[in-house]
C-alpha cells in the first residue's frame, strides 16, 4: 500500500458543511457590522440550514457512489439535494432582497427551478 493513501483521511461532510455555514454567517455579520449592507442574520439561518442539508445530501451520495453498491439499494439521485439547495438559495435571495427580489417577484424562479429538476430527473 502506498504511504500517500494511508495518511489520507476520509471526507467528513458534517465538518465541511458546518465550516461553510460559519463562514457564510460570519461574512454576513461582517458586512452588517461594517455598514456595507444591512443583512438581518436571523433571516439567513433557515435558508442556510436548507442549503446545508442539501449539500450534506449531495456529499453523502457522492461518498455512497464510490463504495460498493449493496443488494437492494435504491438508485441514488442528486435531485433531492439540489432541490434543497435551490429552495434555500431562493429563500435567501428573497429575504435579503438581492437584485430587488422579494417573495412576490421571485416565485417564478422557484417554478423554473422545479421544472429544471424534473427535466434532470427525466434524463437520468
C-alpha atoms as a PDB file:
ATOM      1  CA  UNK A   1       0.000   0.000   0.000  1.00  0.00           C
ATOM      2  CA  UNK A   2       1.167   3.469  -0.758  1.00  0.00           C
ATOM      3  CA  UNK A   3       2.042   5.773   2.171  1.00  0.00           C
ATOM      4  CA  UNK A   4       0.230   8.603   0.425  1.00  0.00           C
ATOM      5  CA  UNK A   5      -3.122   6.802   0.502  1.00  0.00           C
ATOM      6  CA  UNK A   6      -2.561   5.563   4.037  1.00  0.00           C
ATOM      7  CA  UNK A   7      -2.173   9.066   5.516  1.00  0.00           C
ATOM      8  CA  UNK A   8      -5.234  10.471   3.769  1.00  0.00           C
ATOM      9  CA  UNK A   9      -8.281  10.900   5.998  1.00  0.00           C
ATOM     10  CA  UNK A  10     -11.785  10.298   4.655  1.00  0.00           C
ATOM     11  CA  UNK A  11     -14.029  13.208   3.730  1.00  0.00           C
ATOM     12  CA  UNK A  12     -16.075  14.480   6.653  1.00  0.00           C
ATOM     13  CA  UNK A  13     -19.191  16.091   5.164  1.00  0.00           C
ATOM     14  CA  UNK A  14     -20.542  17.285   8.506  1.00  0.00           C
ATOM     15  CA  UNK A  15     -17.402  19.238   9.338  1.00  0.00           C
ATOM     16  CA  UNK A  16     -17.250  20.677   5.835  1.00  0.00           C
ATOM     17  CA  UNK A  17     -20.846  21.926   5.902  1.00  0.00           C
ATOM     18  CA  UNK A  18     -20.564  23.260   9.467  1.00  0.00           C
ATOM     19  CA  UNK A  19     -17.490  25.222   8.462  1.00  0.00           C
ATOM     20  CA  UNK A  20     -19.227  26.632   5.394  1.00  0.00           C
ATOM     21  CA  UNK A  21     -22.233  27.694   7.473  1.00  0.00           C
ATOM     22  CA  UNK A  22     -19.973  29.530   9.913  1.00  0.00           C
ATOM     23  CA  UNK A  23     -18.121  31.191   7.030  1.00  0.00           C
ATOM     24  CA  UNK A  24     -21.354  32.489   5.470  1.00  0.00           C
ATOM     25  CA  UNK A  25     -22.791  33.649   8.797  1.00  0.00           C
ATOM     26  CA  UNK A  26     -19.506  35.341   9.688  1.00  0.00           C
ATOM     27  CA  UNK A  27     -19.351  37.089   6.318  1.00  0.00           C
ATOM     28  CA  UNK A  28     -22.947  38.269   6.769  1.00  0.00           C
ATOM     29  CA  UNK A  29     -22.193  39.584  10.240  1.00  0.00           C
ATOM     30  CA  UNK A  30     -19.042  41.322   8.993  1.00  0.00           C
ATOM     31  CA  UNK A  31     -20.911  43.007   6.137  1.00  0.00           C
ATOM     32  CA  UNK A  32     -23.682  44.066   8.507  1.00  0.00           C
ATOM     33  CA  UNK A  33     -21.403  45.490  11.204  1.00  0.00           C
ATOM     34  CA  UNK A  34     -19.161  47.272   8.706  1.00  0.00           C
ATOM     35  CA  UNK A  35     -22.155  49.092   7.227  1.00  0.00           C
ATOM     36  CA  UNK A  36     -21.714  47.708   3.712  1.00  0.00           C
ATOM     37  CA  UNK A  37     -25.162  46.166   3.786  1.00  0.00           C
ATOM     38  CA  UNK A  38     -27.981  45.696   6.237  1.00  0.00           C
ATOM     39  CA  UNK A  39     -28.462  41.944   6.479  1.00  0.00           C
ATOM     40  CA  UNK A  40     -30.601  40.580   9.252  1.00  0.00           C
ATOM     41  CA  UNK A  41     -28.634  37.436  10.062  1.00  0.00           C
ATOM     42  CA  UNK A  42     -31.584  35.752  11.779  1.00  0.00           C
ATOM     43  CA  UNK A  43     -33.289  35.627   8.371  1.00  0.00           C
ATOM     44  CA  UNK A  44     -30.348  33.682   6.926  1.00  0.00           C
ATOM     45  CA  UNK A  45     -30.442  30.800   9.403  1.00  0.00           C
ATOM     46  CA  UNK A  46     -33.411  28.956   7.858  1.00  0.00           C
ATOM     47  CA  UNK A  47     -32.140  29.090   4.271  1.00  0.00           C
ATOM     48  CA  UNK A  48     -28.627  28.167   5.406  1.00  0.00           C
ATOM     49  CA  UNK A  49     -29.976  25.091   7.166  1.00  0.00           C
ATOM     50  CA  UNK A  50     -31.792  24.032   3.989  1.00  0.00           C
ATOM     51  CA  UNK A  51     -28.692  24.616   1.864  1.00  0.00           C
ATOM     52  CA  UNK A  52     -26.505  22.727   4.325  1.00  0.00           C
ATOM     53  CA  UNK A  53     -28.855  19.729   4.363  1.00  0.00           C
ATOM     54  CA  UNK A  54     -28.817  19.760   0.556  1.00  0.00           C
ATOM     55  CA  UNK A  55     -25.015  19.887   0.461  1.00  0.00           C
ATOM     56  CA  UNK A  56     -24.817  17.074   3.022  1.00  0.00           C
ATOM     57  CA  UNK A  57     -27.198  15.014   0.911  1.00  0.00           C
ATOM     58  CA  UNK A  58     -25.064  15.540  -2.186  1.00  0.00           C
ATOM     59  CA  UNK A  59     -21.836  14.760  -0.326  1.00  0.00           C
ATOM     60  CA  UNK A  60     -23.273  11.630   1.276  1.00  0.00           C
ATOM     61  CA  UNK A  61     -24.496  10.406  -2.105  1.00  0.00           C
ATOM     62  CA  UNK A  62     -21.104  11.008  -3.684  1.00  0.00           C
ATOM     63  CA  UNK A  63     -19.437   9.032  -0.894  1.00  0.00           C
ATOM     64  CA  UNK A  64     -22.050   6.276  -1.246  1.00  0.00           C
ATOM     65  CA  UNK A  65     -21.481   6.116  -5.011  1.00  0.00           C
ATOM     66  CA  UNK A  66     -17.776   5.427  -4.522  1.00  0.00           C
ATOM     67  CA  UNK A  67     -18.422   2.496  -2.206  1.00  0.00           C
ATOM     68  CA  UNK A  68     -19.668  -0.857  -3.400  1.00  0.00           C
ATOM     69  CA  UNK A  69     -23.414  -0.970  -4.044  1.00  0.00           C
ATOM     70  CA  UNK A  70     -25.318  -3.221  -1.675  1.00  0.00           C
ATOM     71  CA  UNK A  71     -28.060  -5.540  -2.707  1.00  0.00           C
ATOM     72  CA  UNK A  72     -31.469  -3.871  -2.712  1.00  0.00           C
ATOM     73  CA  UNK A  73     -30.132  -0.293  -2.690  1.00  0.00           C
ATOM     74  CA  UNK A  74     -32.305   2.245  -4.450  1.00  0.00           C
ATOM     75  CA  UNK A  75     -30.856   4.219  -7.295  1.00  0.00           C
ATOM     76  CA  UNK A  76     -29.150   7.283  -5.844  1.00  0.00           C
ATOM     77  CA  UNK A  77     -30.134  10.602  -7.359  1.00  0.00           C
ATOM     78  CA  UNK A  78     -28.895  14.060  -6.530  1.00  0.00           C
ATOM     79  CA  UNK A  79     -32.132  15.902  -7.282  1.00  0.00           C
ATOM     80  CA  UNK A  80     -33.237  15.914  -3.629  1.00  0.00           C
ATOM     81  CA  UNK A  81     -30.081  17.696  -2.530  1.00  0.00           C
ATOM     82  CA  UNK A  82     -30.241  20.062  -5.479  1.00  0.00           C
ATOM     83  CA  UNK A  83     -33.863  20.865  -4.662  1.00  0.00           C
ATOM     84  CA  UNK A  84     -32.983  21.796  -1.071  1.00  0.00           C
ATOM     85  CA  UNK A  85     -30.064  23.951  -2.233  1.00  0.00           C
ATOM     86  CA  UNK A  86     -32.260  25.692  -4.822  1.00  0.00           C
ATOM     87  CA  UNK A  87     -35.108  26.427  -2.409  1.00  0.00           C
ATOM     88  CA  UNK A  88     -32.650  27.621   0.236  1.00  0.00           C
ATOM     89  CA  UNK A  89     -30.948  29.930  -2.249  1.00  0.00           C
ATOM     90  CA  UNK A  90     -34.345  31.244  -3.394  1.00  0.00           C
ATOM     91  CA  UNK A  91     -35.369  31.923   0.215  1.00  0.00           C
ATOM     92  CA  UNK A  92     -32.078  33.662   0.915  1.00  0.00           C
ATOM     93  CA  UNK A  93     -32.346  35.841  -2.194  1.00  0.00           C
ATOM     94  CA  UNK A  94     -35.964  36.724  -1.409  1.00  0.00           C
ATOM     95  CA  UNK A  95     -35.326  37.576   2.238  1.00  0.00           C
ATOM     96  CA  UNK A  96     -32.214  39.655   1.620  1.00  0.00           C
ATOM     97  CA  UNK A  97     -33.742  41.356  -1.462  1.00  0.00           C
ATOM     98  CA  UNK A  98     -30.804  40.538  -3.736  1.00  0.00           C
ATOM     99  CA  UNK A  99     -31.282  42.319  -7.092  1.00  0.00           C
ATOM    100  CA  UNK A 100     -34.533  43.758  -5.712  1.00  0.00           C
ATOM    101  CA  UNK A 101     -36.183  40.335  -5.457  1.00  0.00           C
ATOM    102  CA  UNK A 102     -38.987  39.701  -2.997  1.00  0.00           C
ATOM    103  CA  UNK A 103     -41.220  36.704  -2.444  1.00  0.00           C
ATOM    104  CA  UNK A 104     -43.889  38.182  -4.700  1.00  0.00           C
ATOM    105  CA  UNK A 105     -41.481  38.917  -7.561  1.00  0.00           C
ATOM    106  CA  UNK A 106     -39.244  35.868  -7.388  1.00  0.00           C
ATOM    107  CA  UNK A 107     -41.687  32.950  -7.216  1.00  0.00           C
ATOM    108  CA  UNK A 108     -41.371  32.252 -10.976  1.00  0.00           C
ATOM    109  CA  UNK A 109     -37.733  31.348 -10.282  1.00  0.00           C
ATOM    110  CA  UNK A 110     -38.982  28.580  -7.988  1.00  0.00           C
ATOM    111  CA  UNK A 111     -41.250  27.252 -10.757  1.00  0.00           C
ATOM    112  CA  UNK A 112     -38.365  27.340 -13.258  1.00  0.00           C
ATOM    113  CA  UNK A 113     -36.091  25.521 -10.806  1.00  0.00           C
ATOM    114  CA  UNK A 114     -38.637  22.793 -10.166  1.00  0.00           C
ATOM    115  CA  UNK A 115     -39.132  22.298 -13.904  1.00  0.00           C
ATOM    116  CA  UNK A 116     -35.377  22.113 -14.412  1.00  0.00           C
ATOM    117  CA  UNK A 117     -35.023  19.452 -11.720  1.00  0.00           C
ATOM    118  CA  UNK A 118     -37.852  17.406 -13.240  1.00  0.00           C
ATOM    119  CA  UNK A 119     -36.083  17.530 -16.599  1.00  0.00           C
ATOM    120  CA  UNK A 120     -32.784  16.474 -14.980  1.00  0.00           C
ATOM    121  CA  UNK A 121     -34.502  13.573 -13.231  1.00  0.00           C
ATOM    122  CA  UNK A 122     -36.136  12.544 -16.500  1.00  0.00           C
ATOM    123  CA  UNK A 123     -32.794  12.475 -18.317  1.00  0.00           C
ATOM    124  CA  UNK A 124     -31.298  10.023 -15.834  1.00  0.00           C
END
